[in-house]
C-alpha atoms as a PDB file:
ATOM      1  CA  MET A   1      32.981  -8.603  29.733  1.00  0.00           C
ATOM      2  CA  THR A   2      33.743  -5.686  27.801  1.00  0.00           C
ATOM      3  CA  THR A   3      35.059  -8.145  24.984  1.00  0.00           C
ATOM      4  CA  GLY A   4      31.844 -10.064  25.002  1.00  0.00           C
ATOM      5  CA  ILE A   5      29.391  -7.197  24.868  1.00  0.00           C
ATOM      6  CA  GLY A   6      31.502  -5.960  22.013  1.00  0.00           C
ATOM      7  CA  VAL A   7      31.631  -9.089  20.208  1.00  0.00           C
ATOM      8  CA  ALA A   8      27.776  -9.342  20.443  1.00  0.00           C
ATOM      9  CA  ALA A   9      27.109  -5.749  19.158  1.00  0.00           C
ATOM     10  CA  LEU A  10      29.566  -6.758  16.023  1.00  0.00           C
ATOM     11  CA  VAL A  11      28.018 -10.318  15.591  1.00  0.00           C
ATOM     12  CA  VAL A  12      23.852  -8.441  15.910  1.00  0.00           C
ATOM     13  CA  THR A  13      24.774  -6.070  13.433  1.00  0.00           C
ATOM     14  CA  VAL A  14      26.582  -8.216  11.194  1.00  0.00           C
ATOM     15  CA  ALA A  15      23.565 -10.406  10.656  1.00  0.00           C
ATOM     16  CA  SER A  16      21.221  -7.279   9.966  1.00  0.00           C
ATOM     17  CA  PHE A  17      23.661  -5.997   7.324  1.00  0.00           C
ATOM     18  CA  ALA A  18      22.866  -9.543   5.961  1.00  0.00           C
ATOM     19  CA  GLY A  19      19.107  -9.557   5.880  1.00  0.00           C
ATOM     20  CA  LEU A  20      18.763 -11.970   9.037  1.00  0.00           C
ATOM     21  CA  ASP A  21      15.912 -10.860  11.312  1.00  0.00           C
ATOM     22  CA  ILE A  22      16.696  -8.655  14.677  1.00  0.00           C
ATOM     23  CA  SER A  23      13.824  -7.425  15.268  1.00  0.00           C
ATOM     24  CA  GLY A  24      13.356  -8.960  18.494  1.00  0.00           C
ATOM     25  CA  LEU A  25      15.692  -6.818  19.699  1.00  0.00           C
ATOM     26  CA  ASP A  26      14.138  -3.702  18.783  1.00  0.00           C
ATOM     27  CA  PHE A  27      12.932  -1.445  21.924  1.00  0.00           C
ATOM     28  CA  ASP A  28       9.216  -0.363  21.718  1.00  0.00           C
ATOM     29  CA  ILE A  29       6.668  -1.047  23.971  1.00  0.00           C
ATOM     30  CA  ARG A  30       6.758  -4.691  23.756  1.00  0.00           C
ATOM     31  CA  PHE A  31       9.561  -4.326  26.119  1.00  0.00           C
ATOM     32  CA  VAL A  32       6.610  -4.270  28.498  1.00  0.00           C
ATOM     33  CA  ARG A  33       6.521  -8.011  28.178  1.00  0.00           C
ATOM     34  CA  GLN A  34      10.059  -8.762  26.468  1.00  0.00           C
ATOM     35  CA  PRO A  35      12.332  -7.111  28.954  1.00  0.00           C
ATOM     36  CA  TRP A  36      15.380  -8.435  27.309  1.00  0.00           C
ATOM     37  CA  ARG A  37      14.917  -5.687  24.676  1.00  0.00           C
ATOM     38  CA  LEU A  38      16.201  -2.670  27.592  1.00  0.00           C
ATOM     39  CA  VAL A  39      19.477  -4.409  26.876  1.00  0.00           C
ATOM     40  CA  GLY A  40      19.201  -5.898  23.565  1.00  0.00           C
ATOM     41  CA  SER A  41      18.587  -3.006  21.570  1.00  0.00           C
ATOM     42  CA  ALA A  42      21.834  -1.427  22.193  1.00  0.00           C
ATOM     43  CA  LEU A  43      23.524  -4.570  20.133  1.00  0.00           C
ATOM     44  CA  PRO A  44      22.226  -3.173  16.597  1.00  0.00           C
ATOM     45  CA  HIS A  45      23.950  -0.824  14.833  1.00  0.00           C
ATOM     46  CA  VAL A  46      22.914   1.272  11.551  1.00  0.00           C
ATOM     47  CA  ASN A  47      26.157   1.907   9.629  1.00  0.00           C
ATOM     48  CA  VAL A  48      29.890   1.109   9.696  1.00  0.00           C
ATOM     49  CA  LEU A  49      30.340   4.335  10.848  1.00  0.00           C
ATOM     50  CA  HIS A  50      28.085   3.876  13.905  1.00  0.00           C
ATOM     51  CA  LEU A  51      29.930   0.604  14.903  1.00  0.00           C
ATOM     52  CA  GLY A  52      33.468   1.215  14.481  1.00  0.00           C
ATOM     53  CA  PHE A  53      32.533   4.466  16.580  1.00  0.00           C
ATOM     54  CA  ASN A  54      31.021   2.945  19.201  1.00  0.00           C
ATOM     55  CA  LEU A  55      33.638  -0.084  19.457  1.00  0.00           C
ATOM     56  CA  TYR A  56      36.361   1.754  19.644  1.00  0.00           C
ATOM     57  CA  TRP A  57      35.199   3.952  22.481  1.00  0.00           C
ATOM     58  CA  PHE A  58      33.144   1.126  23.796  1.00  0.00           C
ATOM     59  CA  TRP A  59      36.959  -0.910  24.159  1.00  0.00           C
ATOM     60  CA  ARG A  60      39.099   1.946  24.604  1.00  0.00           C
ATOM     61  CA  LEU A  61      37.274   3.303  27.547  1.00  0.00           C
ATOM     62  CA  GLY A  62      35.318  -0.158  29.314  1.00  0.00           C
ATOM     63  CA  THR A  63      38.054  -2.385  29.839  1.00  0.00           C
ATOM     64  CA  VAL A  64      39.710   0.097  31.985  1.00  0.00           C
ATOM     65  CA  ILE A  65      36.380   0.708  33.677  1.00  0.00           C
ATOM     66  CA  GLU A  66      35.323  -2.960  34.084  1.00  0.00           C
ATOM     67  CA  GLU A  67      39.187  -3.430  35.609  1.00  0.00           C
ATOM     68  CA  MET A  68      38.767  -0.640  38.075  1.00  0.00           C
ATOM     69  CA  LEU A  69      35.139  -1.623  39.311  1.00  0.00           C
ATOM     70  CA  GLY A  70      34.585  -5.687  38.799  1.00  0.00           C
ATOM     71  CA  TRP A  71      32.344  -7.190  35.928  1.00  0.00           C
ATOM     72  CA  TRP A  72      29.393  -7.008  37.983  1.00  0.00           C
ATOM     73  CA  ARG A  73      29.853  -3.468  38.938  1.00  0.00           C
ATOM     74  CA  TYR A  74      30.481  -2.528  35.102  1.00  0.00           C
ATOM     75  CA  LEU A  75      27.687  -4.304  33.649  1.00  0.00           C
ATOM     76  CA  VAL A  76      25.379  -1.372  35.533  1.00  0.00           C
ATOM     77  CA  LEU A  77      27.569   1.022  34.263  1.00  0.00           C
ATOM     78  CA  ILE A  78      25.376   1.684  31.492  1.00  0.00           C
ATOM     79  CA  VAL A  79      27.560   4.533  29.588  1.00  0.00           C
ATOM     80  CA  VAL A  80      30.882   5.437  30.679  1.00  0.00           C
ATOM     81  CA  ALA A  81      31.709   8.744  29.255  1.00  0.00           C
ATOM     82  CA  GLY A  82      29.393  10.421  31.771  1.00  0.00           C
ATOM     83  CA  TYR A  83      31.042   8.725  34.492  1.00  0.00           C
ATOM     84  CA  LEU A  84      34.864   9.279  33.767  1.00  0.00           C
ATOM     85  CA  TRP A  85      33.749  13.003  33.327  1.00  0.00           C
ATOM     86  CA  VAL A  86      33.168  13.329  36.844  1.00  0.00           C
ATOM     87  CA  ASN A  87      35.674  11.032  38.158  1.00  0.00           C
ATOM     88  CA  GLN A  88      38.639  11.695  35.695  1.00  0.00           C
ATOM     89  CA  LYS A  89      40.405  12.828  39.058  1.00  0.00           C
ATOM     90  CA  ALA A  90      39.689   9.585  40.917  1.00  0.00           C
ATOM     91  CA  SER A  91      41.957   7.127  38.711  1.00  0.00           C
ATOM     92  CA  GLU A  92      45.392   8.118  37.162  1.00  0.00           C
ATOM     93  CA  LYS A  93      44.285   5.525  34.419  1.00  0.00           C
ATOM     94  CA  THR A  94      40.795   7.596  33.632  1.00  0.00           C
ATOM     95  CA  LEU A  95      42.499  10.902  34.121  1.00  0.00           C
ATOM     96  CA  ALA A  96      45.182   9.794  30.918  1.00  0.00           C
ATOM     97  CA  LEU A  97      42.094   8.601  28.919  1.00  0.00           C
ATOM     98  CA  MET A  98      39.637  11.527  29.561  1.00  0.00           C
ATOM     99  CA  SER A  99      41.430  14.525  28.228  1.00  0.00           C
ATOM    100  CA  ARG A 100      39.736  17.526  27.526  1.00  0.00           C
ATOM    101  CA  SER A 101      39.809  17.005  23.868  1.00  0.00           C
ATOM    102  CA  THR A 102      38.231  13.447  24.459  1.00  0.00           C
ATOM    103  CA  ILE A 103      35.550  15.293  26.665  1.00  0.00           C
ATOM    104  CA  GLY A 104      35.079  17.524  23.697  1.00  0.00           C
ATOM    105  CA  LEU A 105      34.797  15.414  21.337  1.00  0.00           C
ATOM    106  CA  PHE A 106      32.098  13.136  23.113  1.00  0.00           C
ATOM    107  CA  VAL A 107      30.552  16.934  23.499  1.00  0.00           C
ATOM    108  CA  GLY A 108      30.690  18.042  20.339  1.00  0.00           C
ATOM    109  CA  TRP A 109      29.320  14.721  18.572  1.00  0.00           C
ATOM    110  CA  PHE A 110      26.467  14.773  21.101  1.00  0.00           C
ATOM    111  CA  PHE A 111      25.338  18.232  19.515  1.00  0.00           C
ATOM    112  CA  ALA A 112      26.749  17.283  16.264  1.00  0.00           C
ATOM    113  CA  CYS A 113      23.875  14.349  15.813  1.00  0.00           C
ATOM    114  CA  ILE A 114      20.828  16.746  17.254  1.00  0.00           C
ATOM    115  CA  ALA A 115      21.595  19.000  14.745  1.00  0.00           C
ATOM    116  CA  LEU A 116      21.466  16.200  11.941  1.00  0.00           C
ATOM    117  CA  THR A 117      18.226  14.661  13.574  1.00  0.00           C
ATOM    118  CA  ALA A 118      16.863  18.424  13.488  1.00  0.00           C
ATOM    119  CA  THR A 119      17.654  18.989   9.649  1.00  0.00           C
ATOM    120  CA  GLY A 120      16.381  15.342   8.631  1.00  0.00           C
ATOM    121  CA  ILE A 121      19.798  14.300   7.257  1.00  0.00           C
ATOM    122  CA  LEU A 122      20.599  11.446  10.173  1.00  0.00           C
ATOM    123  CA  ALA A 123      17.678  10.251  12.409  1.00  0.00           C
ATOM    124  CA  VAL A 124      19.675   9.425  16.040  1.00  0.00           C
ATOM    125  CA  GLY A 125      19.039   8.474  19.605  1.00  0.00           C
ATOM    126  CA  ASN A 126      19.549  11.766  21.464  1.00  0.00           C
ATOM    127  CA  VAL A 127      17.185  11.050  24.170  1.00  0.00           C
ATOM    128  CA  ALA A 128      19.073   7.823  24.758  1.00  0.00           C
ATOM    129  CA  HIS A 129      22.710   9.342  24.879  1.00  0.00           C
ATOM    130  CA  ALA A 130      21.300  12.172  27.122  1.00  0.00           C
ATOM    131  CA  VAL A 131      19.949   9.441  29.440  1.00  0.00           C
ATOM    132  CA  GLY A 132      22.834   7.885  29.213  1.00  0.00           C
ATOM    133  CA  ALA A 133      25.156  10.738  30.306  1.00  0.00           C
ATOM    134  CA  ILE A 134      22.815  11.658  32.997  1.00  0.00           C
ATOM    135  CA  LEU A 135      23.298   8.370  34.038  1.00  0.00           C
ATOM    136  CA  GLY A 136      26.862   7.848  34.179  1.00  0.00           C
ATOM    137  CA  PHE A 137      27.544  11.250  35.627  1.00  0.00           C
ATOM    138  CA  PHE A 138      25.422  10.497  38.533  1.00  0.00           C
ATOM    139  CA  ILE A 139      27.824   6.842  38.794  1.00  0.00           C
ATOM    140  CA  GLY A 140      30.553   8.436  38.684  1.00  0.00           C
ATOM    141  CA  ALA A 141      29.717  10.624  41.393  1.00  0.00           C
ATOM    142  CA  ARG A 142      28.868   8.299  43.954  1.00  0.00           C
ATOM    143  CA  GLN A 143      33.050   7.312  43.596  1.00  0.00           C
ATOM    144  CA  GLY A 144      35.131   8.675  47.213  1.00  0.00           C
ATOM    145  CA  ALA A 145      31.732  11.048  47.518  1.00  0.00           C
ATOM    146  CA  PRO A 146      30.395  11.008  51.292  1.00  0.00           C
ATOM    147  CA  ARG A 147      27.952   8.298  52.680  1.00  0.00           C
ATOM    148  CA  TRP A 148      24.843  11.181  52.387  1.00  0.00           C
ATOM    149  CA  ARG A 149      25.872  12.408  48.875  1.00  0.00           C
ATOM    150  CA  ARG A 150      26.088   8.388  47.581  1.00  0.00           C
ATOM    151  CA  HIS A 151      23.258   7.686  48.903  1.00  0.00           C
ATOM    152  CA  ALA A 152      21.463  11.156  46.999  1.00  0.00           C
ATOM    153  CA  VAL A 153      23.455   9.911  44.294  1.00  0.00           C
ATOM    154  CA  LEU A 154      22.273   6.732  44.121  1.00  0.00           C
ATOM    155  CA  ALA A 155      18.005   7.836  44.681  1.00  0.00           C
ATOM    156  CA  ALA A 156      18.682  10.250  41.599  1.00  0.00           C
ATOM    157  CA  THR A 157      19.979   7.440  39.460  1.00  0.00           C
ATOM    158  CA  ILE A 158      17.106   5.351  40.158  1.00  0.00           C
ATOM    159  CA  ALA A 159      14.574   8.010  39.759  1.00  0.00           C
ATOM    160  CA  VAL A 160      16.310   8.382  36.123  1.00  0.00           C
ATOM    161  CA  VAL A 161      15.596   4.982  35.032  1.00  0.00           C
ATOM    162  CA  ILE A 162      11.609   4.754  36.513  1.00  0.00           C
ATOM    163  CA  VAL A 163      11.142   8.084  34.479  1.00  0.00           C
ATOM    164  CA  SER A 164      12.738   6.373  31.174  1.00  0.00           C
ATOM    165  CA  LEU A 165      10.734   3.632  31.531  1.00  0.00           C
ATOM    166  CA  LEU A 166       7.882   5.237  32.209  1.00  0.00           C
ATOM    167  CA  ALA A 167       8.445   7.855  28.987  1.00  0.00           C
ATOM    168  CA  ALA A 168       8.886   4.717  26.709  1.00  0.00           C
ATOM    169  CA  ILE A 169       5.290   3.386  28.271  1.00  0.00           C
ATOM    170  CA  VAL A 170       2.819   6.980  27.747  1.00  0.00           C
ATOM    171  CA  ARG A 171       5.643   7.689  24.580  1.00  0.00           C
ATOM    172  CA  PRO A 172       2.298   8.768  22.199  1.00  0.00           C
ATOM    173  CA  ALA A 173       1.148  11.170  25.040  1.00  0.00           C
ATOM    174  CA  MET A 174       4.704  13.097  25.103  1.00  0.00           C
ATOM    175  CA  ASN A 175       6.820  12.362  21.508  1.00  0.00           C
ATOM    176  CA  PHE A 176       8.006  15.669  19.815  1.00  0.00           C
ATOM    177  CA  SER A 177       7.725  13.837  16.429  1.00  0.00           C
ATOM    178  CA  PRO A 178       4.559  11.521  16.169  1.00  0.00           C
ATOM    179  CA  ALA A 179       4.824  11.014  12.600  1.00  0.00           C
ATOM    180  CA  GLN A 180       7.844   9.634  12.348  1.00  0.00           C
ATOM    181  CA  ALA A 181       7.552   7.101  15.793  1.00  0.00           C
ATOM    182  CA  ALA A 182       3.907   6.454  13.734  1.00  0.00           C
ATOM    183  CA  ALA A 183       5.764   5.073  11.155  1.00  0.00           C
ATOM    184  CA  VAL A 184       8.472   2.927  13.241  1.00  0.00           C
ATOM    185  CA  ASP A 185       5.573   1.571  15.382  1.00  0.00           C
ATOM    186  CA  GLY A 186       3.357   0.969  11.961  1.00  0.00           C
ATOM    187  CA  TYR A 187       6.182  -0.634  10.043  1.00  0.00           C
ATOM    188  CA  ARG A 188       7.131  -2.996  12.954  1.00  0.00           C
ATOM    189  CA  GLY A 189       3.457  -4.097  13.117  1.00  0.00           C
ATOM    190  CA  TYR A 190       3.055  -4.887   9.842  1.00  0.00           C
ATOM    191  CA  THR A 191       6.214  -7.092   9.976  1.00  0.00           C
ATOM    192  CA  ALA A 192       4.827  -8.714  12.943  1.00  0.00           C
ATOM    193  CA  LEU A 193       1.723  -9.169  11.276  1.00  0.00           C
ATOM    194  CA  LEU A 194       3.281 -11.082   8.563  1.00  0.00           C
ATOM    195  CA  LYS A 195       5.299 -13.417  10.760  1.00  0.00           C
ATOM    196  CA  ASN A 196       1.545 -14.011  13.012  1.00  0.00           C
ATOM    197  CA  ARG A 197       2.971 -12.820  15.991  1.00  0.00           C
ATOM    198  CA  ASN A 198      -0.950 -10.891  16.443  1.00  0.00           C
ATOM    199  CA  LEU A 199      -0.269  -9.560  20.188  1.00  0.00           C
ATOM    200  CA  ASP A 200       2.954  -7.746  19.231  1.00  0.00           C
ATOM    201  CA  ALA A 201       1.755  -6.422  15.977  1.00  0.00           C
ATOM    202  CA  ALA A 202      -1.763  -5.385  18.101  1.00  0.00           C
ATOM    203  CA  LEU A 203       0.406  -3.498  20.757  1.00  0.00           C
ATOM    204  CA  LEU A 204       2.613  -1.647  18.076  1.00  0.00           C
ATOM    205  CA  LEU A 205       0.123  -0.434  15.162  1.00  0.00           C
ATOM    206  CA  SER A 206      -2.271   0.589  18.558  1.00  0.00           C
ATOM    207  CA  GLN A 207       0.632   3.254  19.885  1.00  0.00           C
ATOM    208  CA  ALA A 208       1.083   3.763  16.221  1.00  0.00           C
ATOM    209  CA  VAL A 209      -2.942   4.823  15.680  1.00  0.00           C
ATOM    210  CA  GLN A 210      -2.410   6.955  19.123  1.00  0.00           C
ATOM    211  CA  LEU A 211       0.823   8.742  17.646  1.00  0.00           C
ATOM    212  CA  ASP A 212      -0.998   9.325  14.096  1.00  0.00           C
ATOM    213  CA  GLU A 213      -4.613   8.678  13.756  1.00  0.00           C
ATOM    214  CA  SER A 214      -4.331  10.081   9.596  1.00  0.00           C
ATOM    215  CA  VAL A 215      -2.217   6.601   8.316  1.00  0.00           C
ATOM    216  CA  LYS A 216      -5.372   4.101   7.090  1.00  0.00           C
ATOM    217  CA  THR A 217      -2.721   1.100   6.557  1.00  0.00           C
ATOM    218  CA  ASN A 218      -1.857   1.296  10.425  1.00  0.00           C
ATOM    219  CA  TRP A 219      -5.679   1.117  11.327  1.00  0.00           C
ATOM    220  CA  MET A 220      -6.190  -1.591   8.550  1.00  0.00           C
ATOM    221  CA  ASN A 221      -3.631  -3.485   9.720  1.00  0.00           C
ATOM    222  CA  LEU A 222      -4.860  -3.216  13.314  1.00  0.00           C
ATOM    223  CA  ALA A 223      -7.973  -3.893  12.516  1.00  0.00           C
ATOM    224  CA  ILE A 224      -6.895  -7.775  11.267  1.00  0.00           C
ATOM    225  CA  ALA A 225      -4.343  -8.408  14.349  1.00  0.00           C
ATOM    226  CA  SER A 226      -7.528  -7.652  16.318  1.00  0.00           C
ATOM    227  CA  ARG A 227      -9.790 -10.128  14.088  1.00  0.00           C
ATOM    228  CA  ARG A 228      -7.067 -12.630  14.950  1.00  0.00           C
ATOM    229  CA  LEU A 229      -6.954 -12.097  18.585  1.00  0.00           C
ATOM    230  CA  ASN A 230     -10.686 -12.566  18.580  1.00  0.00           C
ATOM    231  CA  ARG A 231     -11.281  -9.053  19.584  1.00  0.00           C
ATOM    232  CA  THR A 232     -13.899  -8.437  17.234  1.00  0.00           C
ATOM    233  CA  ASP A 233     -14.829  -5.417  19.020  1.00  0.00           C
ATOM    234  CA  LEU A 234     -11.467  -3.468  18.250  1.00  0.00           C
ATOM    235  CA  ALA A 235     -11.318  -5.166  14.893  1.00  0.00           C
ATOM    236  CA  LEU A 236     -14.718  -3.017  13.872  1.00  0.00           C
ATOM    237  CA  ASP A 237     -13.708  -0.083  15.288  1.00  0.00           C
ATOM    238  CA  ALA A 238     -10.465  -0.188  13.690  1.00  0.00           C
ATOM    239  CA  TRP A 239     -12.086  -0.627  10.331  1.00  0.00           C
ATOM    240  CA  GLU A 240     -14.377   1.938  11.050  1.00  0.00           C
ATOM    241  CA  HIS A 241     -11.260   4.225  11.189  1.00  0.00           C
ATOM    242  CA  ALA A 242      -9.893   3.406   8.108  1.00  0.00           C
ATOM    243  CA  LEU A 243     -12.952   3.819   6.689  1.00  0.00           C
ATOM    244  CA  ALA A 244     -13.561   7.390   7.771  1.00  0.00           C
ATOM    245  CA  LEU A 245     -10.186   8.439   6.381  1.00  0.00           C
ATOM    246  CA  ASP A 246     -11.319   7.212   2.955  1.00  0.00           C
ATOM    247  CA  PRO A 247     -14.606   6.655   2.679  1.00  0.00           C
ATOM    248  CA  GLY A 248     -14.916   6.802  -0.864  1.00  0.00           C
ATOM    249  CA  ASN A 249     -13.218   3.071  -1.395  1.00  0.00           C
ATOM    250  CA  LEU A 250     -16.054   0.940  -2.147  1.00  0.00           C
ATOM    251  CA  ASP A 251     -14.285  -2.124  -1.810  1.00  0.00           C
ATOM    252  CA  ASP A 252     -13.463  -1.445   1.509  1.00  0.00           C
ATOM    253  CA  ARG A 253     -16.829  -0.873   2.153  1.00  0.00           C
ATOM    254  CA  ARG A 254     -17.726  -4.292   0.738  1.00  0.00           C
ATOM    255  CA  PHE A 255     -15.438  -5.993   2.987  1.00  0.00           C
ATOM    256  CA  VAL A 256     -16.151  -4.137   6.340  1.00  0.00           C
ATOM    257  CA  ALA A 257     -19.743  -4.332   5.382  1.00  0.00           C
ATOM    258  CA  GLY A 258     -19.528  -8.152   4.897  1.00  0.00           C
ATOM    259  CA  LEU A 259     -17.945  -9.001   8.344  1.00  0.00           C
ATOM    260  CA  TYR A 260     -20.888  -6.404   9.904  1.00  0.00           C
ATOM    261  CA  ARG A 261     -23.076  -9.150   8.238  1.00  0.00           C
ATOM    262  CA  SER A 262     -21.769 -12.715   9.142  1.00  0.00           C
ATOM    263  CA  LEU A 263     -21.346 -11.053  13.109  1.00  0.00           C
ATOM    264  CA  GLY A 264     -25.053 -10.071  12.656  1.00  0.00           C
ATOM    265  CA  GLY A 265     -25.763 -13.578  11.440  1.00  0.00           C
ATOM    266  CA  ALA A 266     -23.806 -15.497  13.842  1.00  0.00           C
ATOM    267  CA  ALA A 267     -25.600 -13.098  16.486  1.00  0.00           C
ATOM    268  CA  GLN A 268     -29.164 -14.323  14.759  1.00  0.00           C
ATOM    269  CA  THR A 269     -28.318 -17.685  14.770  1.00  0.00           C
ATOM    270  CA  SER A 270     -27.500 -17.358  18.681  1.00  0.00           C
ATOM    271  CA  GLY A 271     -30.266 -15.527  19.674  1.00  0.00           C
ATOM    272  CA  GLN A 272     -29.381 -12.772  19.718  1.00  0.00           C
ATOM    273  CA  HIS A 273     -31.288 -10.342  17.713  1.00  0.00           C
ATOM    274  CA  LYS A 274     -30.980  -7.244  19.459  1.00  0.00           C
ATOM    275  CA  LYS A 275     -27.257  -7.590  18.802  1.00  0.00           C
ATOM    276  CA  ALA A 276     -28.012  -8.793  15.133  1.00  0.00           C
ATOM    277  CA  VAL A 277     -30.005  -5.820  14.658  1.00  0.00           C
ATOM    278  CA  ASP A 278     -27.160  -3.093  15.206  1.00  0.00           C
ATOM    279  CA  LEU A 279     -24.632  -5.281  13.617  1.00  0.00           C
ATOM    280  CA  LEU A 280     -26.602  -5.538  10.252  1.00  0.00           C
ATOM    281  CA  ARG A 281     -28.012  -2.243  10.108  1.00  0.00           C
ATOM    282  CA  ARG A 282     -24.109  -1.345  10.095  1.00  0.00           C
ATOM    283  CA  ALA A 283     -23.762  -3.893   7.180  1.00  0.00           C
ATOM    284  CA  VAL A 284     -26.265  -2.329   5.128  1.00  0.00           C
ATOM    285  CA  ARG A 285     -25.236   1.586   5.989  1.00  0.00           C
ATOM    286  CA  LEU A 286     -21.951   0.800   4.363  1.00  0.00           C
ATOM    287  CA  GLN A 287     -23.675  -1.230   1.592  1.00  0.00           C
ATOM    288  CA  ASN A 288     -26.885  -0.387   0.691  1.00  0.00           C
ATOM    289  CA  ASP A 289     -27.590  -3.107  -1.859  1.00  0.00           C
ATOM    290  CA  ASP A 290     -26.691  -5.503   0.266  1.00  0.00           C
ATOM    291  CA  ALA A 291     -28.858  -8.779  -0.398  1.00  0.00           C
ATOM    292  CA  ALA A 292     -28.108 -11.336   1.858  1.00  0.00           C
ATOM    293  CA  ALA A 293     -28.221  -8.212   5.111  1.00  0.00           C
ATOM    294  CA  TRP A 294     -31.833  -7.016   4.786  1.00  0.00           C
ATOM    295  CA  PRO A 295     -33.329  -9.990   4.713  1.00  0.00           C
ATOM    296  CA  ALA A 296     -31.422 -10.877   8.299  1.00  0.00           C
ATOM    297  CA  LEU A 297     -32.311  -7.162   9.171  1.00  0.00           C
ATOM    298  CA  ALA A 298     -35.836  -7.792   8.793  1.00  0.00           C
ATOM    299  CA  VAL A 299     -35.866 -11.413  10.157  1.00  0.00           C
ATOM    300  CA  SER A 300     -34.026  -9.716  13.815  1.00  0.00           C
ATOM    301  CA  LEU A 301     -36.320  -6.526  13.601  1.00  0.00           C
ATOM    302  CA  GLU A 302     -39.328  -9.262  13.885  1.00  0.00           C
ATOM    303  CA  GLN A 303     -38.136 -10.821  16.202  1.00  0.00           C
ATOM    304  CA  ILE A 304     -37.797  -7.970  18.870  1.00  0.00           C
ATOM    305  CA  GLY A 305     -41.112  -6.597  18.173  1.00  0.00           C
ATOM    306  CA  ALA A 306     -39.902  -3.596  15.376  1.00  0.00           C
ATOM    307  CA  ARG A 307     -43.085  -5.161  12.051  1.00  0.00           C
ATOM    308  CA  ASP A 308     -42.638  -1.575  11.077  1.00  0.00           C
ATOM    309  CA  GLU A 309     -39.201  -1.610  10.079  1.00  0.00           C
ATOM    310  CA  ALA A 310     -39.167  -5.321   9.350  1.00  0.00           C
ATOM    311  CA  SER A 311     -41.679  -4.880   6.517  1.00  0.00           C
ATOM    312  CA  ALA A 312     -39.297  -1.932   5.054  1.00  0.00           C
ATOM    313  CA  ALA A 313     -36.833  -4.049   5.092  1.00  0.00           C
ATOM    314  CA  VAL A 314     -38.368  -6.515   3.284  1.00  0.00           C
ATOM    315  CA  ARG A 315     -39.316  -4.537   0.692  1.00  0.00           C
ATOM    316  CA  ARG A 316     -35.930  -3.134   0.545  1.00  0.00           C
ATOM    317  CA  ALA A 317     -34.680  -6.629   0.353  1.00  0.00           C
ATOM    318  CA  GLU A 318     -37.277  -7.211  -2.506  1.00  0.00           C
ATOM    319  CA  ARG A 319     -36.156  -4.300  -4.552  1.00  0.00           C
ATOM    320  CA  PRO A 320     -33.873  -5.068  -7.780  1.00  0.00           C
ATOM    321  CA  ALA A 321     -30.283  -4.174  -7.455  1.00  0.00           C
ATOM    322  CA  PRO A 322     -29.085  -0.796  -9.687  1.00  0.00           C
END
């Protein structure tokens, strides 16, 4: 098991270095639909140092624990450091591995990673490391403990797992670095959009705009993904947000006005004149000189009995373009 996981991490990381697409292993909101991301996201590493450090300790500690627990129990064990720290007196093998200097190395490296992240030098998954150590601590605490304590530790372990999963789902409400997280989700959403994975794109981009509403491109990409999914209402809402961030962009205004005009025309054809009026009004609000929207608006206004407004729309349609 240890060998297999180590080889998998090596293969996935080398594939990433070679430029192959491993985005299917990214951990993000998509894990709700694609649960393998909970496990697969542990395999890629950002550089050779990261990979080498993790593989060395994973092999050195993991082989011993696998022998002690058996492969299936070992599979449940997420992090070995916390386990060995608690359980170092339970086995001569673990005692030999987890000296004070080794424990100090892990603790020191953990706080060094926090410092690297806080200073912006290197982004590290500190929350993942901390939760993994806590889980390892709880799992180790069950070994040789009285029955009541084993049950209490098991309950605490399950609680940590549940809270971690819920935190991943509600991340926009509790993220301490929303702009950075939004940038990651926005990029992943854009990548999914390029691959025509529109539902993945919509999920990621929706989370990105929740984290940071100020990024126009995320709103635009969300609009495209929503339109491809036939969620016209969501697409138009996203376009409106994008326009609000850059109201002077004439190209964007014309594009969105064209969408409203097209949807208004479709509503008019199907006899939904009140809906057509709403959509066509939005079109002329964005592009006041839209020569096609004004006549269409006049027709639907006439159909709903707003004759004065219809006459005004006709006169506006007949006015020469500036």
